[in-house]
Amino acid sequence: MPVREGLALYAAAAEAAGLGLPLLEVGTYCGRSTILLADAARAAGTVVVTVDHHRGSEEQQPGWEYHDPTVVDPEVGLMDTLPTFRRTLHKAGLEEYVVAVVGRSPQVAKVWAGEVGLVFIDGGHTDEHATADYEGWAPRVAPGGLLVIHDVFPDPADGGQAPYRIYLRALESGAFTEVSVTDSLRVLRRTGPGI
């Protein structure tokens, strides 16, 4: 995540944490954005819940642009970012402000019962994954809470379109109003019911 987007994410998290509810992240990877969310949660006396299966998104698999062979578990031959993520949290001193849920986002969303002050969607970038993340977690955003979507590229030449499509869906729903745009990061506020 570029610095400008990271600062915008932190500002959104700091604002949303003021609701006194947990902050929720979909797509942990190695924890860079989790640290930003956790620092905001710490300051407000709440926590961040981060959801990831830790096997990597489609673009992180072998043969793809964002593949990192150092996070492949040699014993099973699959990506496993969980150990790196845990080291990241430990080094940052933020472990006690993070609840790491290891699982697939749609499965976790089905058993999640409460509202959250912020949902940050930065998981898989296919239509299937982005739509499932949106449909599973957008309903959990409390009134006045924030929905943050990463990697929103209106021009297909700049990147995948699935995050852009869920961003448009959120705006068209009438449930969310845009608060800010920082490069590929969009921050929306829940201003009405629905998704």
N, C-alpha and C. Protein backbone atom coordinates (compact mmCIF):
# COMPACT_ATOMS: atom_id res chain seq x y z
N MET A 1 0.84 -1.18 0.00
CA MET A 1 0.00 0.00 0.00
C MET A 1 0.89 1.24 0.00
N PRO A 2 0.70 2.11 -0.97
CA PRO A 2 1.48 3.35 -1.01
C PRO A 2 1.21 4.24 0.21
N VAL A 3 2.15 5.11 0.50
CA VAL A 3 2.08 5.94 1.71
C VAL A 3 0.80 6.79 1.75
N ARG A 4 0.47 7.45 0.64
CA ARG A 4 -0.73 8.31 0.63
C ARG A 4 -1.98 7.51 0.97
N GLU A 5 -2.10 6.32 0.40
CA GLU A 5 -3.26 5.49 0.69
C GLU A 5 -3.23 5.00 2.13
N GLY A 6 -2.04 4.68 2.63
CA GLY A 6 -1.91 4.25 4.01
C GLY A 6 -2.34 5.34 4.99
N LEU A 7 -1.96 6.56 4.71
CA LEU A 7 -2.35 7.68 5.57
C LEU A 7 -3.87 7.89 5.53
N ALA A 8 -4.46 7.73 4.35
CA ALA A 8 -5.91 7.87 4.23
C ALA A 8 -6.63 6.74 4.97
N LEU A 9 -6.08 5.53 4.88
CA LEU A 9 -6.67 4.40 5.62
C LEU A 9 -6.58 4.65 7.11
N TYR A 10 -5.44 5.13 7.59
CA TYR A 10 -5.28 5.40 9.02
C TYR A 10 -6.29 6.46 9.48
N ALA A 11 -6.44 7.52 8.69
CA ALA A 11 -7.39 8.59 9.06
C ALA A 11 -8.81 8.04 9.14
N ALA A 12 -9.18 7.21 8.18
CA ALA A 12 -10.52 6.60 8.21
C ALA A 12 -10.68 5.71 9.43
N ALA A 13 -9.66 4.92 9.73
CA ALA A 13 -9.72 4.02 10.89
C ALA A 13 -9.81 4.81 12.19
N ALA A 14 -9.05 5.87 12.30
CA ALA A 14 -9.08 6.69 13.51
C ALA A 14 -10.47 7.29 13.72
N GLU A 15 -11.08 7.74 12.63
CA GLU A 15 -12.44 8.29 12.73
C GLU A 15 -13.44 7.21 13.12
N ALA A 16 -13.40 6.09 12.41
CA ALA A 16 -14.37 5.01 12.64
C ALA A 16 -14.20 4.39 14.02
N ALA A 17 -12.98 4.33 14.52
CA ALA A 17 -12.74 3.75 15.85
C ALA A 17 -13.46 4.54 16.94
N GLY A 18 -13.75 5.80 16.66
CA GLY A 18 -14.48 6.63 17.61
C GLY A 18 -15.90 6.13 17.88
N LEU A 19 -16.40 5.24 17.03
CA LEU A 19 -17.72 4.65 17.28
C LEU A 19 -17.68 3.61 18.40
N GLY A 20 -16.46 3.21 18.80
CA GLY A 20 -16.31 2.23 19.87
C GLY A 20 -16.57 0.80 19.46
N LEU A 21 -16.64 0.56 18.17
CA LEU A 21 -16.87 -0.78 17.63
C LEU A 21 -15.57 -1.33 17.04
N PRO A 22 -15.50 -2.64 16.86
CA PRO A 22 -14.30 -3.18 16.19
C PRO A 22 -14.19 -2.66 14.77
N LEU A 23 -12.96 -2.66 14.29
CA LEU A 23 -12.67 -2.38 12.88
C LEU A 23 -12.41 -3.72 12.23
N LEU A 24 -12.81 -3.90 10.98
CA LEU A 24 -12.65 -5.20 10.34
C LEU A 24 -11.93 -5.05 9.00
N GLU A 25 -10.95 -5.93 8.80
CA GLU A 25 -10.17 -5.95 7.56
C GLU A 25 -10.37 -7.29 6.87
N VAL A 26 -10.62 -7.24 5.57
CA VAL A 26 -10.67 -8.45 4.75
C VAL A 26 -9.43 -8.42 3.87
N GLY A 27 -8.53 -9.38 4.08
CA GLY A 27 -7.29 -9.44 3.30
C GLY A 27 -6.11 -8.93 4.11
N THR A 28 -5.56 -9.78 4.93
CA THR A 28 -4.47 -9.42 5.83
C THR A 28 -3.12 -9.42 5.16
N TYR A 29 -2.87 -10.45 4.34
CA TYR A 29 -1.57 -10.74 3.73
C TYR A 29 -0.51 -10.76 4.82
N CYS A 30 0.49 -9.86 4.77
CA CYS A 30 1.57 -9.89 5.77
C CYS A 30 1.41 -8.82 6.85
N GLY A 31 0.34 -8.03 6.79
CA GLY A 31 -0.01 -7.16 7.90
C GLY A 31 0.30 -5.69 7.81
N ARG A 32 0.72 -5.20 6.67
CA ARG A 32 1.05 -3.77 6.59
C ARG A 32 -0.16 -2.90 6.92
N SER A 33 -1.28 -3.15 6.28
CA SER A 33 -2.46 -2.33 6.56
C SER A 33 -3.04 -2.64 7.94
N THR A 34 -2.84 -3.86 8.41
CA THR A 34 -3.33 -4.23 9.74
C THR A 34 -2.68 -3.35 10.81
N ILE A 35 -1.41 -3.04 10.64
CA ILE A 35 -0.71 -2.19 11.61
C ILE A 35 -1.36 -0.81 11.67
N LEU A 36 -1.72 -0.27 10.53
CA LEU A 36 -2.37 1.04 10.51
C LEU A 36 -3.71 0.98 11.24
N LEU A 37 -4.49 -0.04 10.93
CA LEU A 37 -5.79 -0.20 11.59
C LEU A 37 -5.63 -0.44 13.09
N ALA A 38 -4.67 -1.28 13.45
CA ALA A 38 -4.46 -1.63 14.86
C ALA A 38 -3.99 -0.43 15.68
N ASP A 39 -3.17 0.42 15.10
CA ASP A 39 -2.72 1.60 15.83
C ASP A 39 -3.90 2.54 16.10
N ALA A 40 -4.78 2.69 15.11
CA ALA A 40 -5.98 3.50 15.32
C ALA A 40 -6.90 2.86 16.36
N ALA A 41 -7.04 1.54 16.31
CA ALA A 41 -7.88 0.83 17.28
C ALA A 41 -7.31 0.98 18.69
N ARG A 42 -6.00 0.83 18.82
CA ARG A 42 -5.34 0.98 20.12
C ARG A 42 -5.64 2.35 20.73
N ALA A 43 -5.48 3.39 19.93
CA ALA A 43 -5.70 4.74 20.42
C ALA A 43 -7.13 4.97 20.89
N ALA A 44 -8.08 4.25 20.30
CA ALA A 44 -9.49 4.43 20.64
C ALA A 44 -10.01 3.40 21.65
N GLY A 45 -9.15 2.46 22.03
CA GLY A 45 -9.58 1.45 23.00
C GLY A 45 -10.44 0.36 22.40
N THR A 46 -10.24 0.06 21.14
CA THR A 46 -10.98 -1.03 20.51
C THR A 46 -9.99 -1.99 19.85
N VAL A 47 -10.47 -2.85 18.97
CA VAL A 47 -9.60 -3.83 18.30
C VAL A 47 -9.89 -3.84 16.81
N VAL A 48 -8.97 -4.43 16.07
CA VAL A 48 -9.21 -4.72 14.67
C VAL A 48 -9.30 -6.25 14.52
N VAL A 49 -10.28 -6.67 13.77
CA VAL A 49 -10.42 -8.09 13.42
C VAL A 49 -9.98 -8.20 11.97
N THR A 50 -9.03 -9.07 11.70
CA THR A 50 -8.55 -9.22 10.35
C THR A 50 -8.79 -10.64 9.87
N VAL A 51 -9.39 -10.75 8.69
CA VAL A 51 -9.84 -12.04 8.16
C VAL A 51 -9.04 -12.37 6.90
N ASP A 52 -8.41 -13.55 6.91
CA ASP A 52 -7.65 -14.00 5.74
C ASP A 52 -7.40 -15.49 5.87
N HIS A 53 -7.40 -16.19 4.74
CA HIS A 53 -7.06 -17.62 4.76
C HIS A 53 -5.55 -17.82 4.71
N HIS A 54 -4.83 -16.77 4.42
CA HIS A 54 -3.36 -16.75 4.40
C HIS A 54 -2.73 -17.66 3.35
N ARG A 55 -3.48 -17.99 2.31
CA ARG A 55 -2.94 -18.76 1.19
C ARG A 55 -2.71 -17.89 -0.03
N GLY A 56 -2.95 -16.60 0.10
CA GLY A 56 -2.69 -15.66 -0.99
C GLY A 56 -3.83 -15.52 -1.97
N SER A 57 -3.96 -14.32 -2.51
CA SER A 57 -4.96 -14.06 -3.55
C SER A 57 -4.46 -14.60 -4.88
N GLU A 58 -5.32 -14.53 -5.88
CA GLU A 58 -4.98 -15.07 -7.18
C GLU A 58 -3.71 -14.45 -7.76
N GLU A 59 -3.52 -13.14 -7.58
CA GLU A 59 -2.36 -12.47 -8.17
C GLU A 59 -1.07 -12.74 -7.40
N GLN A 60 -1.16 -13.43 -6.28
CA GLN A 60 0.01 -13.75 -5.47
C GLN A 60 0.48 -15.19 -5.65
N GLN A 61 -0.17 -15.93 -6.53
CA GLN A 61 0.18 -17.33 -6.73
C GLN A 61 1.39 -17.45 -7.66
N PRO A 62 2.07 -18.59 -7.66
CA PRO A 62 3.24 -18.78 -8.53
C PRO A 62 2.92 -18.45 -9.98
N GLY A 63 3.84 -17.73 -10.60
CA GLY A 63 3.67 -17.33 -11.99
C GLY A 63 2.99 -15.99 -12.19
N TRP A 64 2.50 -15.39 -11.10
CA TRP A 64 1.82 -14.11 -11.19
C TRP A 64 2.72 -12.99 -10.68
N GLU A 65 2.35 -11.76 -11.03
CA GLU A 65 3.18 -10.58 -10.77
C GLU A 65 3.54 -10.39 -9.30
N TYR A 66 2.63 -10.65 -8.39
CA TYR A 66 2.87 -10.35 -6.98
C TYR A 66 3.24 -11.58 -6.16
N HIS A 67 3.72 -12.62 -6.81
CA HIS A 67 4.11 -13.83 -6.08
C HIS A 67 5.42 -13.59 -5.32
N ASP A 68 5.44 -14.00 -4.06
CA ASP A 68 6.64 -13.91 -3.22
C ASP A 68 6.98 -15.31 -2.74
N PRO A 69 8.00 -15.94 -3.33
CA PRO A 69 8.33 -17.32 -2.97
C PRO A 69 8.79 -17.48 -1.52
N THR A 70 9.14 -16.38 -0.85
CA THR A 70 9.60 -16.50 0.54
C THR A 70 8.47 -16.81 1.50
N VAL A 71 7.22 -16.65 1.06
CA VAL A 71 6.09 -16.96 1.95
C VAL A 71 5.42 -18.29 1.57
N VAL A 72 6.11 -19.11 0.82
CA VAL A 72 5.60 -20.44 0.50
C VAL A 72 6.10 -21.40 1.57
N ASP A 73 5.19 -22.16 2.15
CA ASP A 73 5.55 -23.17 3.15
C ASP A 73 6.15 -24.36 2.40
N PRO A 74 7.44 -24.65 2.61
CA PRO A 74 8.08 -25.73 1.85
C PRO A 74 7.51 -27.11 2.17
N GLU A 75 6.91 -27.25 3.34
CA GLU A 75 6.38 -28.56 3.71
C GLU A 75 5.10 -28.90 2.94
N VAL A 76 4.25 -27.91 2.74
CA VAL A 76 2.99 -28.18 2.03
C VAL A 76 2.98 -27.63 0.61
N GLY A 77 3.95 -26.78 0.28
CA GLY A 77 4.05 -26.24 -1.07
C GLY A 77 3.04 -25.15 -1.39
N LEU A 78 2.42 -24.58 -0.37
CA LEU A 78 1.43 -23.52 -0.57
C LEU A 78 1.86 -22.26 0.15
N MET A 79 1.34 -21.13 -0.30
CA MET A 79 1.62 -19.88 0.40
C MET A 79 1.08 -19.96 1.82
N ASP A 80 1.80 -19.36 2.74
CA ASP A 80 1.33 -19.25 4.12
C ASP A 80 1.89 -17.96 4.70
N THR A 81 1.09 -16.91 4.63
CA THR A 81 1.54 -15.60 5.11
C THR A 81 1.31 -15.41 6.60
N LEU A 82 0.67 -16.36 7.26
CA LEU A 82 0.37 -16.20 8.68
C LEU A 82 1.62 -16.01 9.54
N PRO A 83 2.69 -16.80 9.38
CA PRO A 83 3.88 -16.56 10.22
C PRO A 83 4.48 -15.16 10.01
N THR A 84 4.51 -14.71 8.77
CA THR A 84 5.05 -13.37 8.50
C THR A 84 4.15 -12.31 9.13
N PHE A 85 2.85 -12.49 9.00
CA PHE A 85 1.90 -11.56 9.60
C PHE A 85 2.10 -11.48 11.12
N ARG A 86 2.25 -12.63 11.76
CA ARG A 86 2.42 -12.63 13.22
C ARG A 86 3.71 -11.93 13.63
N ARG A 87 4.78 -12.12 12.86
CA ARG A 87 6.03 -11.42 13.15
C ARG A 87 5.86 -9.91 12.98
N THR A 88 5.12 -9.51 11.94
CA THR A 88 4.86 -8.09 11.69
C THR A 88 4.16 -7.46 12.89
N LEU A 89 3.11 -8.12 13.39
CA LEU A 89 2.38 -7.59 14.55
C LEU A 89 3.26 -7.51 15.78
N HIS A 90 4.06 -8.56 15.99
CA HIS A 90 4.94 -8.59 17.16
C HIS A 90 5.94 -7.43 17.10
N LYS A 91 6.58 -7.25 15.96
CA LYS A 91 7.56 -6.16 15.81
C LYS A 91 6.93 -4.79 16.04
N ALA A 92 5.67 -4.66 15.66
CA ALA A 92 4.98 -3.38 15.82
C ALA A 92 4.44 -3.18 17.23
N GLY A 93 4.45 -4.24 18.05
CA GLY A 93 3.93 -4.13 19.40
C GLY A 93 2.42 -3.97 19.46
N LEU A 94 1.72 -4.53 18.48
CA LEU A 94 0.27 -4.32 18.40
C LEU A 94 -0.54 -5.61 18.51
N GLU A 95 0.08 -6.69 18.94
CA GLU A 95 -0.62 -7.98 18.99
C GLU A 95 -1.91 -7.95 19.81
N GLU A 96 -1.91 -7.24 20.91
CA GLU A 96 -3.08 -7.27 21.78
C GLU A 96 -4.27 -6.48 21.23
N TYR A 97 -4.06 -5.76 20.12
CA TYR A 97 -5.14 -4.98 19.52
C TYR A 97 -5.68 -5.61 18.25
N VAL A 98 -5.24 -6.85 17.97
CA VAL A 98 -5.64 -7.52 16.73
C VAL A 98 -6.18 -8.91 17.05
N VAL A 99 -7.33 -9.21 16.47
CA VAL A 99 -7.89 -10.55 16.51
C VAL A 99 -7.76 -11.09 15.09
N ALA A 100 -6.89 -12.07 14.90
CA ALA A 100 -6.67 -12.65 13.58
C ALA A 100 -7.57 -13.85 13.40
N VAL A 101 -8.41 -13.80 12.38
CA VAL A 101 -9.30 -14.91 12.07
C VAL A 101 -8.77 -15.55 10.79
N VAL A 102 -8.39 -16.81 10.89
CA VAL A 102 -7.87 -17.53 9.73
C VAL A 102 -9.03 -18.30 9.11
N GLY A 103 -9.46 -17.84 7.96
CA GLY A 103 -10.57 -18.47 7.28
C GLY A 103 -10.93 -17.68 6.04
N ARG A 104 -11.82 -18.22 5.26
CA ARG A 104 -12.29 -17.55 4.04
C ARG A 104 -13.36 -16.53 4.42
N SER A 105 -13.25 -15.37 3.86
CA SER A 105 -14.11 -14.24 4.20
C SER A 105 -15.61 -14.58 4.18
N PRO A 106 -16.15 -15.21 3.14
CA PRO A 106 -17.59 -15.49 3.14
C PRO A 106 -18.02 -16.41 4.28
N GLN A 107 -17.18 -17.37 4.63
CA GLN A 107 -17.51 -18.28 5.73
C GLN A 107 -17.52 -17.55 7.06
N VAL A 108 -16.53 -16.69 7.27
CA VAL A 108 -16.46 -15.93 8.52
C VAL A 108 -17.63 -14.95 8.60
N ALA A 109 -17.95 -14.29 7.48
CA ALA A 109 -19.06 -13.33 7.49
C ALA A 109 -20.38 -13.99 7.87
N LYS A 110 -20.57 -15.23 7.46
CA LYS A 110 -21.82 -15.94 7.78
C LYS A 110 -22.01 -16.15 9.27
N VAL A 111 -20.93 -16.24 10.03
CA VAL A 111 -21.05 -16.49 11.47
C VAL A 111 -20.82 -15.22 12.30
N TRP A 112 -20.55 -14.10 11.65
CA TRP A 112 -20.32 -12.84 12.35
C TRP A 112 -21.67 -12.23 12.71
N ALA A 113 -21.85 -11.85 13.96
CA ALA A 113 -23.16 -11.39 14.40
C ALA A 113 -23.27 -9.88 14.61
N GLY A 114 -22.18 -9.20 14.90
CA GLY A 114 -22.29 -7.81 15.31
C GLY A 114 -21.94 -6.79 14.25
N GLU A 115 -22.13 -5.54 14.62
CA GLU A 115 -21.76 -4.42 13.76
C GLU A 115 -20.29 -4.07 13.95
N VAL A 116 -19.73 -3.40 12.96
CA VAL A 116 -18.36 -2.90 13.04
C VAL A 116 -18.35 -1.44 12.62
N GLY A 117 -17.35 -0.72 13.10
CA GLY A 117 -17.23 0.69 12.76
C GLY A 117 -16.64 0.93 11.39
N LEU A 118 -15.88 -0.05 10.91
CA LEU A 118 -15.21 0.08 9.61
C LEU A 118 -15.03 -1.31 9.01
N VAL A 119 -15.25 -1.41 7.72
CA VAL A 119 -14.88 -2.60 6.95
C VAL A 119 -13.92 -2.14 5.88
N PHE A 120 -12.74 -2.76 5.86
CA PHE A 120 -11.73 -2.48 4.84
C PHE A 120 -11.64 -3.70 3.94
N ILE A 121 -12.06 -3.56 2.67
CA ILE A 121 -12.04 -4.67 1.72
C ILE A 121 -10.79 -4.57 0.87
N ASP A 122 -9.91 -5.56 1.06
CA ASP A 122 -8.66 -5.63 0.30
C ASP A 122 -8.27 -7.10 0.13
N GLY A 123 -9.25 -7.91 -0.22
CA GLY A 123 -9.02 -9.35 -0.39
C GLY A 123 -8.80 -9.69 -1.85
N GLY A 124 -9.41 -10.79 -2.28
CA GLY A 124 -9.28 -11.23 -3.66
C GLY A 124 -9.86 -10.22 -4.63
N HIS A 125 -9.27 -10.16 -5.83
CA HIS A 125 -9.65 -9.13 -6.80
C HIS A 125 -10.43 -9.68 -8.00
N THR A 126 -10.95 -10.89 -7.87
CA THR A 126 -11.87 -11.38 -8.91
C THR A 126 -13.27 -10.89 -8.55
N ASP A 127 -14.17 -10.90 -9.53
CA ASP A 127 -15.55 -10.51 -9.24
C ASP A 127 -16.15 -11.40 -8.16
N GLU A 128 -15.88 -12.70 -8.24
CA GLU A 128 -16.42 -13.63 -7.25
C GLU A 128 -15.98 -13.26 -5.84
N HIS A 129 -14.69 -13.03 -5.65
CA HIS A 129 -14.18 -12.73 -4.31
C HIS A 129 -14.59 -11.35 -3.82
N ALA A 130 -14.43 -10.34 -4.66
CA ALA A 130 -14.78 -8.98 -4.24
C ALA A 130 -16.27 -8.87 -3.92
N THR A 131 -17.11 -9.49 -4.75
CA THR A 131 -18.56 -9.45 -4.50
C THR A 131 -18.91 -10.17 -3.21
N ALA A 132 -18.30 -11.32 -2.97
CA ALA A 132 -18.56 -12.06 -1.73
C ALA A 132 -18.12 -11.26 -0.51
N ASP A 133 -16.98 -10.59 -0.61
CA ASP A 133 -16.51 -9.75 0.50
C ASP A 133 -17.49 -8.60 0.75
N TYR A 134 -17.93 -7.96 -0.31
CA TYR A 134 -18.88 -6.85 -0.17
C TYR A 134 -20.20 -7.34 0.42
N GLU A 135 -20.76 -8.39 -0.16
CA GLU A 135 -22.06 -8.88 0.31
C GLU A 135 -22.00 -9.44 1.73
N GLY A 136 -20.84 -10.00 2.09
CA GLY A 136 -20.71 -10.56 3.43
C GLY A 136 -20.49 -9.51 4.51
N TRP A 137 -19.75 -8.45 4.17
CA TRP A 137 -19.32 -7.51 5.21
C TRP A 137 -19.97 -6.13 5.17
N ALA A 138 -20.38 -5.64 4.02
CA ALA A 138 -21.00 -4.30 3.97
C ALA A 138 -22.23 -4.21 4.88
N PRO A 139 -23.05 -5.27 4.99
CA PRO A 139 -24.20 -5.17 5.90
C PRO A 139 -23.79 -5.00 7.36
N ARG A 140 -22.56 -5.29 7.70
CA ARG A 140 -22.10 -5.21 9.09
C ARG A 140 -21.63 -3.81 9.49
N VAL A 141 -21.51 -2.90 8.50
CA VAL A 141 -21.06 -1.54 8.80
C VAL A 141 -22.18 -0.81 9.55
N ALA A 142 -21.85 -0.32 10.73
CA ALA A 142 -22.83 0.39 11.57
C ALA A 142 -23.23 1.72 10.93
N PRO A 143 -24.40 2.24 11.28
CA PRO A 143 -24.77 3.58 10.80
C PRO A 143 -23.67 4.59 11.17
N GLY A 144 -23.26 5.36 10.19
CA GLY A 144 -22.18 6.33 10.39
C GLY A 144 -20.80 5.72 10.25
N GLY A 145 -20.72 4.39 10.16
CA GLY A 145 -19.44 3.71 9.99
C GLY A 145 -18.93 3.83 8.57
N LEU A 146 -17.73 3.31 8.37
CA LEU A 146 -17.06 3.49 7.08
C LEU A 146 -16.81 2.17 6.36
N LEU A 147 -17.00 2.20 5.06
CA LEU A 147 -16.62 1.12 4.16
C LEU A 147 -15.46 1.63 3.34
N VAL A 148 -14.33 0.93 3.41
CA VAL A 148 -13.13 1.35 2.69
C VAL A 148 -12.78 0.25 1.70
N ILE A 149 -12.58 0.63 0.45
CA ILE A 149 -12.28 -0.34 -0.60
C ILE A 149 -10.95 0.04 -1.24
N HIS A 150 -10.05 -0.94 -1.33
CA HIS A 150 -8.73 -0.70 -1.91
C HIS A 150 -8.67 -1.23 -3.34
N ASP A 151 -7.77 -0.67 -4.11
CA ASP A 151 -7.51 -1.07 -5.51
C ASP A 151 -8.71 -0.81 -6.41
N VAL A 152 -9.30 0.37 -6.25
CA VAL A 152 -10.40 0.81 -7.10
C VAL A 152 -9.78 1.56 -8.29
N PHE A 153 -9.91 0.96 -9.46
CA PHE A 153 -9.33 1.55 -10.67
C PHE A 153 -10.43 1.75 -11.72
N PRO A 154 -10.91 2.98 -11.90
CA PRO A 154 -11.94 3.23 -12.91
C PRO A 154 -11.48 2.86 -14.33
N ASP A 155 -10.21 3.04 -14.63
CA ASP A 155 -9.66 2.73 -15.95
C ASP A 155 -9.11 1.31 -15.94
N PRO A 156 -9.65 0.41 -16.76
CA PRO A 156 -9.16 -0.98 -16.78
C PRO A 156 -7.67 -1.10 -17.08
N ALA A 157 -7.09 -0.11 -17.72
CA ALA A 157 -5.65 -0.15 -18.02
C ALA A 157 -4.81 -0.04 -16.76
N ASP A 158 -5.41 0.47 -15.67
CA ASP A 158 -4.67 0.65 -14.42
C ASP A 158 -4.73 -0.54 -13.49
N GLY A 159 -5.73 -1.39 -13.66
CA GLY A 159 -5.85 -2.54 -12.76
C GLY A 159 -7.19 -3.24 -12.92
N GLY A 160 -7.36 -4.28 -12.10
CA GLY A 160 -8.58 -5.08 -12.14
C GLY A 160 -9.82 -4.26 -11.82
N GLN A 161 -10.94 -4.74 -12.28
CA GLN A 161 -12.18 -3.98 -12.18
C GLN A 161 -13.11 -4.43 -11.07
N ALA A 162 -12.87 -5.57 -10.44
CA ALA A 162 -13.80 -6.06 -9.43
C ALA A 162 -13.96 -5.09 -8.25
N PRO A 163 -12.87 -4.56 -7.67
CA PRO A 163 -13.07 -3.58 -6.59
C PRO A 163 -13.82 -2.33 -7.06
N TYR A 164 -13.57 -1.92 -8.29
CA TYR A 164 -14.29 -0.77 -8.84
C TYR A 164 -15.78 -1.06 -8.94
N ARG A 165 -16.14 -2.27 -9.35
CA ARG A 165 -17.55 -2.62 -9.48
C ARG A 165 -18.26 -2.66 -8.12
N ILE A 166 -17.59 -3.16 -7.07
CA ILE A 166 -18.27 -3.15 -5.77
C ILE A 166 -18.36 -1.73 -5.20
N TYR A 167 -17.39 -0.90 -5.53
CA TYR A 167 -17.44 0.51 -5.14
C TYR A 167 -18.66 1.18 -5.78
N LEU A 168 -18.85 0.96 -7.10
CA LEU A 168 -20.01 1.52 -7.78
C LEU A 168 -21.31 0.98 -7.19
N ARG A 169 -21.32 -0.31 -6.89
CA ARG A 169 -22.51 -0.93 -6.30
C ARG A 169 -22.85 -0.28 -4.96
N ALA A 170 -21.82 -0.02 -4.15
CA ALA A 170 -22.06 0.62 -2.84
C ALA A 170 -22.68 2.00 -3.02
N LEU A 171 -22.16 2.78 -3.97
CA LEU A 171 -22.70 4.12 -4.21
C LEU A 171 -24.12 4.05 -4.75
N GLU A 172 -24.35 3.13 -5.68
CA GLU A 172 -25.67 3.01 -6.30
C GLU A 172 -26.73 2.48 -5.33
N SER A 173 -26.28 1.81 -4.27
CA SER A 173 -27.22 1.23 -3.31
C SER A 173 -27.98 2.29 -2.51
N GLY A 174 -27.40 3.47 -2.41
CA GLY A 174 -27.98 4.50 -1.55
C GLY A 174 -27.64 4.32 -0.09
N ALA A 175 -26.97 3.21 0.24
CA ALA A 175 -26.58 2.95 1.63
C ALA A 175 -25.29 3.65 2.02
N PHE A 176 -24.48 4.01 1.02
CA PHE A 176 -23.16 4.59 1.28
C PHE A 176 -22.96 5.86 0.47
N THR A 177 -22.25 6.81 1.09
CA THR A 177 -21.91 8.07 0.46
C THR A 177 -20.39 8.23 0.50
N GLU A 178 -19.83 8.66 -0.61
CA GLU A 178 -18.37 8.80 -0.68
C GLU A 178 -17.88 9.91 0.25
N VAL A 179 -16.82 9.60 0.99
CA VAL A 179 -16.20 10.55 1.90
C VAL A 179 -14.89 11.07 1.31
N SER A 180 -14.08 10.15 0.76
CA SER A 180 -12.80 10.58 0.20
C SER A 180 -12.29 9.59 -0.85
N VAL A 181 -11.42 10.13 -1.71
CA VAL A 181 -10.72 9.35 -2.74
C VAL A 181 -9.25 9.68 -2.60
N THR A 182 -8.42 8.65 -2.38
CA THR A 182 -6.97 8.83 -2.36
C THR A 182 -6.38 7.76 -3.25
N ASP A 183 -6.01 8.16 -4.45
CA ASP A 183 -5.48 7.22 -5.44
C ASP A 183 -6.46 6.06 -5.61
N SER A 184 -6.09 4.82 -5.28
CA SER A 184 -7.02 3.70 -5.49
C SER A 184 -7.83 3.35 -4.23
N LEU A 185 -7.77 4.18 -3.21
CA LEU A 185 -8.49 3.92 -1.96
C LEU A 185 -9.74 4.79 -1.90
N ARG A 186 -10.89 4.13 -1.66
CA ARG A 186 -12.15 4.85 -1.55
C ARG A 186 -12.71 4.65 -0.15
N VAL A 187 -13.16 5.75 0.45
CA VAL A 187 -13.77 5.72 1.78
C VAL A 187 -15.21 6.18 1.63
N LEU A 188 -16.13 5.34 2.10
CA LEU A 188 -17.57 5.63 2.03
C LEU A 188 -18.18 5.50 3.42
N ARG A 189 -19.19 6.33 3.69
CA ARG A 189 -19.88 6.30 4.98
C ARG A 189 -21.26 5.68 4.81
N ARG A 190 -21.63 4.84 5.80
CA ARG A 190 -23.00 4.32 5.77
C ARG A 190 -23.94 5.45 6.15
N THR A 191 -24.83 5.79 5.21
CA THR A 191 -25.80 6.86 5.42
C THR A 191 -27.23 6.38 5.27
N GLY A 192 -27.39 5.09 4.98
CA GLY A 192 -28.72 4.56 4.82
C GLY A 192 -28.71 3.05 4.95
N PRO A 193 -29.88 2.43 4.92
CA PRO A 193 -29.96 0.97 5.06
C PRO A 193 -29.62 0.27 3.74
N GLY A 194 -29.34 -1.04 3.85
CA GLY A 194 -29.14 -1.86 2.67
C GLY A 194 -27.69 -2.01 2.28
N ILE A 195 -27.50 -2.69 1.17
CA ILE A 195 -26.17 -2.85 0.57
C ILE A 195 -26.31 -2.74 -0.94
